[in-house]
């Protein structure tokens, strides 16, 4: 079972839908060896989901953070 499948299973078990947007964004977060900004996640995700909006990325990242599947990083600037 891949990491995305494991996280998708966790979402399903908690009663959350596993949308294509959530799957793609989870994949990006799990396979990037750097901290990405939401705009960077958006740029990578829209390759797989051309109709994706930046607002959806922000909302999905917020959801994943609240679900404990992503961590929010704060800038010191």
N, C-alpha and C. Protein backbone atom coordinates (compact mmCIF):
# COMPACT_ATOMS: atom_id res chain seq x y z
N UNK A 1 0.85 -1.18 0.00
CA UNK A 1 0.00 0.00 0.00
C UNK A 1 0.90 1.24 0.00
N UNK A 2 0.61 2.18 -0.89
CA UNK A 2 1.42 3.38 -0.96
C UNK A 2 1.05 4.33 0.17
N UNK A 3 1.89 5.33 0.38
CA UNK A 3 1.63 6.33 1.44
C UNK A 3 0.31 7.05 1.18
N UNK A 4 0.07 7.41 -0.08
CA UNK A 4 -1.18 8.10 -0.40
C UNK A 4 -2.38 7.22 -0.07
N UNK A 5 -2.25 5.92 -0.37
CA UNK A 5 -3.34 5.00 -0.07
C UNK A 5 -3.60 4.92 1.43
N UNK A 6 -2.53 4.91 2.21
CA UNK A 6 -2.67 4.85 3.67
C UNK A 6 -3.37 6.11 4.19
N UNK A 7 -2.97 7.28 3.70
CA UNK A 7 -3.61 8.52 4.14
C UNK A 7 -5.05 8.60 3.63
N UNK A 8 -5.27 8.12 2.43
CA UNK A 8 -6.63 8.09 1.89
C UNK A 8 -7.52 7.20 2.74
N UNK A 9 -6.95 6.08 3.18
CA UNK A 9 -7.69 5.15 4.04
C UNK A 9 -8.04 5.84 5.36
N UNK A 10 -7.08 6.58 5.91
CA UNK A 10 -7.33 7.30 7.17
C UNK A 10 -8.46 8.31 6.99
N UNK A 11 -8.45 9.02 5.88
CA UNK A 11 -9.53 9.99 5.63
C UNK A 11 -10.87 9.28 5.53
N UNK A 12 -10.92 8.21 4.78
CA UNK A 12 -12.17 7.46 4.61
C UNK A 12 -12.69 6.93 5.94
N UNK A 13 -11.78 6.40 6.75
CA UNK A 13 -12.17 5.85 8.06
C UNK A 13 -12.73 6.93 8.98
N UNK A 14 -12.30 8.16 8.78
CA UNK A 14 -12.80 9.28 9.59
C UNK A 14 -14.08 9.90 9.00
N UNK A 15 -14.52 9.35 7.87
CA UNK A 15 -15.76 9.83 7.27
C UNK A 15 -15.57 10.95 6.27
N UNK A 16 -14.33 11.23 5.87
CA UNK A 16 -14.07 12.27 4.88
C UNK A 16 -13.97 11.68 3.49
N UNK A 17 -14.38 12.45 2.51
CA UNK A 17 -14.26 12.01 1.12
C UNK A 17 -12.82 12.13 0.66
N UNK A 18 -12.42 11.20 -0.19
CA UNK A 18 -11.09 11.24 -0.79
C UNK A 18 -11.26 11.74 -2.22
N UNK A 19 -11.07 13.04 -2.39
CA UNK A 19 -11.29 13.67 -3.69
C UNK A 19 -10.01 13.61 -4.52
N UNK A 20 -10.13 13.78 -5.83
CA UNK A 20 -8.92 13.82 -6.66
C UNK A 20 -7.97 14.93 -6.20
N UNK A 21 -8.52 16.05 -5.78
CA UNK A 21 -7.68 17.16 -5.33
C UNK A 21 -6.89 16.76 -4.09
N UNK A 22 -7.54 16.13 -3.14
CA UNK A 22 -6.86 15.70 -1.92
C UNK A 22 -5.79 14.67 -2.22
N UNK A 23 -6.09 13.74 -3.13
CA UNK A 23 -5.12 12.71 -3.51
C UNK A 23 -3.88 13.32 -4.15
N UNK A 24 -4.08 14.22 -5.10
CA UNK A 24 -2.96 14.83 -5.81
C UNK A 24 -2.11 15.68 -4.86
N UNK A 25 -2.76 16.46 -4.03
CA UNK A 25 -2.01 17.32 -3.11
C UNK A 25 -1.26 16.48 -2.08
N UNK A 26 -1.88 15.43 -1.56
CA UNK A 26 -1.17 14.51 -0.66
C UNK A 26 0.05 13.91 -1.35
N UNK A 27 -0.12 13.49 -2.59
CA UNK A 27 1.00 12.91 -3.35
C UNK A 27 2.15 13.92 -3.45
N UNK A 28 1.83 15.16 -3.78
CA UNK A 28 2.86 16.19 -3.90
C UNK A 28 3.58 16.38 -2.57
N UNK A 29 2.82 16.50 -1.50
CA UNK A 29 3.42 16.73 -0.19
C UNK A 29 4.30 15.57 0.26
N UNK A 30 3.87 14.35 -0.07
CA UNK A 30 4.63 13.17 0.36
C UNK A 30 5.88 12.91 -0.47
N UNK A 31 5.91 13.43 -1.70
CA UNK A 31 7.03 13.13 -2.59
C UNK A 31 7.91 14.33 -2.90
N UNK A 32 7.80 15.36 -2.10
CA UNK A 32 8.66 16.53 -2.27
C UNK A 32 9.56 16.62 -1.06
N UNK A 33 10.83 16.79 -1.30
CA UNK A 33 11.79 16.86 -0.20
C UNK A 33 12.08 18.30 0.19
N UNK A 34 11.05 19.13 0.15
CA UNK A 34 11.22 20.54 0.51
C UNK A 34 9.90 21.06 1.06
N UNK A 35 9.98 22.17 1.73
CA UNK A 35 8.76 22.84 2.18
C UNK A 35 8.22 23.64 1.01
N UNK A 36 6.98 23.41 0.66
CA UNK A 36 6.38 24.11 -0.47
C UNK A 36 5.38 25.15 0.02
N UNK A 37 5.33 26.25 -0.68
CA UNK A 37 4.30 27.24 -0.40
C UNK A 37 3.02 26.80 -1.10
N UNK A 38 1.87 27.28 -0.67
CA UNK A 38 0.64 26.93 -1.38
C UNK A 38 0.70 27.23 -2.89
N UNK A 39 1.26 28.39 -3.31
CA UNK A 39 1.36 28.60 -4.76
C UNK A 39 2.23 27.56 -5.47
N UNK A 40 3.27 27.07 -4.79
CA UNK A 40 4.11 26.03 -5.39
C UNK A 40 3.34 24.71 -5.50
N UNK A 41 2.56 24.39 -4.47
CA UNK A 41 1.72 23.19 -4.53
C UNK A 41 0.73 23.32 -5.67
N UNK A 42 0.14 24.49 -5.80
CA UNK A 42 -0.82 24.76 -6.88
C UNK A 42 -0.18 24.52 -8.25
N UNK A 43 0.99 25.07 -8.46
CA UNK A 43 1.67 24.92 -9.76
C UNK A 43 1.92 23.44 -10.09
N UNK A 44 2.32 22.67 -9.09
CA UNK A 44 2.57 21.24 -9.34
C UNK A 44 1.26 20.48 -9.53
N UNK A 45 0.26 20.81 -8.73
CA UNK A 45 -1.01 20.06 -8.78
C UNK A 45 -1.78 20.30 -10.07
N UNK A 46 -1.69 21.49 -10.61
CA UNK A 46 -2.49 21.76 -11.81
C UNK A 46 -1.97 21.04 -13.05
N UNK A 47 -0.79 20.46 -12.95
CA UNK A 47 -0.30 19.61 -14.04
C UNK A 47 -1.20 18.38 -14.16
N UNK A 48 -1.56 17.80 -13.00
CA UNK A 48 -2.43 16.63 -12.98
C UNK A 48 -3.90 16.99 -13.05
N UNK A 49 -4.25 18.17 -12.52
CA UNK A 49 -5.64 18.62 -12.48
C UNK A 49 -5.73 20.02 -13.09
N UNK A 50 -5.77 20.12 -14.40
CA UNK A 50 -5.73 21.43 -15.06
C UNK A 50 -6.84 22.40 -14.63
N UNK A 51 -7.98 21.94 -14.20
CA UNK A 51 -9.07 22.82 -13.80
C UNK A 51 -8.99 23.27 -12.35
N UNK A 52 -7.96 22.85 -11.64
CA UNK A 52 -7.79 23.16 -10.23
C UNK A 52 -7.61 24.66 -10.03
N UNK A 53 -8.21 25.19 -8.95
CA UNK A 53 -8.02 26.60 -8.64
C UNK A 53 -7.10 26.74 -7.43
N UNK A 54 -6.48 27.89 -7.32
CA UNK A 54 -5.59 28.14 -6.19
C UNK A 54 -6.36 28.13 -4.87
N UNK A 55 -7.60 28.60 -4.92
CA UNK A 55 -8.44 28.59 -3.72
C UNK A 55 -8.65 27.17 -3.22
N UNK A 56 -8.87 26.24 -4.14
CA UNK A 56 -9.06 24.83 -3.76
C UNK A 56 -7.81 24.29 -3.09
N UNK A 57 -6.64 24.67 -3.59
CA UNK A 57 -5.39 24.21 -2.98
C UNK A 57 -5.28 24.73 -1.55
N UNK A 58 -5.56 26.00 -1.35
CA UNK A 58 -5.50 26.57 0.01
C UNK A 58 -6.48 25.85 0.94
N UNK A 59 -7.68 25.64 0.48
CA UNK A 59 -8.69 24.97 1.32
C UNK A 59 -8.30 23.52 1.62
N UNK A 60 -7.75 22.85 0.61
CA UNK A 60 -7.33 21.46 0.80
C UNK A 60 -6.16 21.37 1.77
N UNK A 61 -5.20 22.28 1.64
CA UNK A 61 -4.07 22.29 2.57
C UNK A 61 -4.54 22.56 4.00
N UNK A 62 -5.48 23.48 4.14
CA UNK A 62 -6.04 23.78 5.47
C UNK A 62 -6.75 22.54 6.03
N UNK A 63 -7.53 21.88 5.19
CA UNK A 63 -8.23 20.67 5.61
C UNK A 63 -7.22 19.59 6.04
N UNK A 64 -6.19 19.36 5.23
CA UNK A 64 -5.21 18.32 5.54
C UNK A 64 -4.47 18.64 6.83
N UNK A 65 -4.20 19.90 7.09
CA UNK A 65 -3.54 20.30 8.34
C UNK A 65 -4.46 20.02 9.52
N UNK A 66 -5.73 20.38 9.41
CA UNK A 66 -6.68 20.14 10.50
C UNK A 66 -6.89 18.64 10.74
N UNK A 67 -6.78 17.85 9.68
CA UNK A 67 -6.93 16.39 9.79
C UNK A 67 -5.66 15.73 10.29
N UNK A 68 -4.59 16.50 10.45
CA UNK A 68 -3.34 15.95 10.93
C UNK A 68 -2.49 15.27 9.88
N UNK A 69 -2.80 15.51 8.61
CA UNK A 69 -2.07 14.86 7.52
C UNK A 69 -1.07 15.79 6.84
N UNK A 70 -1.03 17.03 7.27
CA UNK A 70 -0.06 18.00 6.75
C UNK A 70 0.28 18.94 7.90
N UNK A 71 1.42 19.57 7.78
CA UNK A 71 1.83 20.51 8.80
C UNK A 71 1.97 21.88 8.18
N UNK A 72 1.45 22.85 8.88
CA UNK A 72 1.54 24.23 8.42
C UNK A 72 2.90 24.79 8.85
N UNK A 73 3.57 25.47 7.93
CA UNK A 73 4.83 26.12 8.25
C UNK A 73 4.62 27.62 8.22
N UNK A 74 5.22 28.30 9.15
CA UNK A 74 5.06 29.74 9.23
C UNK A 74 6.37 30.41 8.86
N UNK A 75 6.26 31.48 8.11
CA UNK A 75 7.44 32.24 7.68
C UNK A 75 7.84 33.21 8.78
N UNK A 76 9.12 33.39 8.95
CA UNK A 76 9.63 34.32 9.96
C UNK A 76 9.82 35.71 9.39
N UNK A 77 9.38 35.94 8.18
CA UNK A 77 9.56 37.26 7.56
C UNK A 77 8.48 38.22 7.95
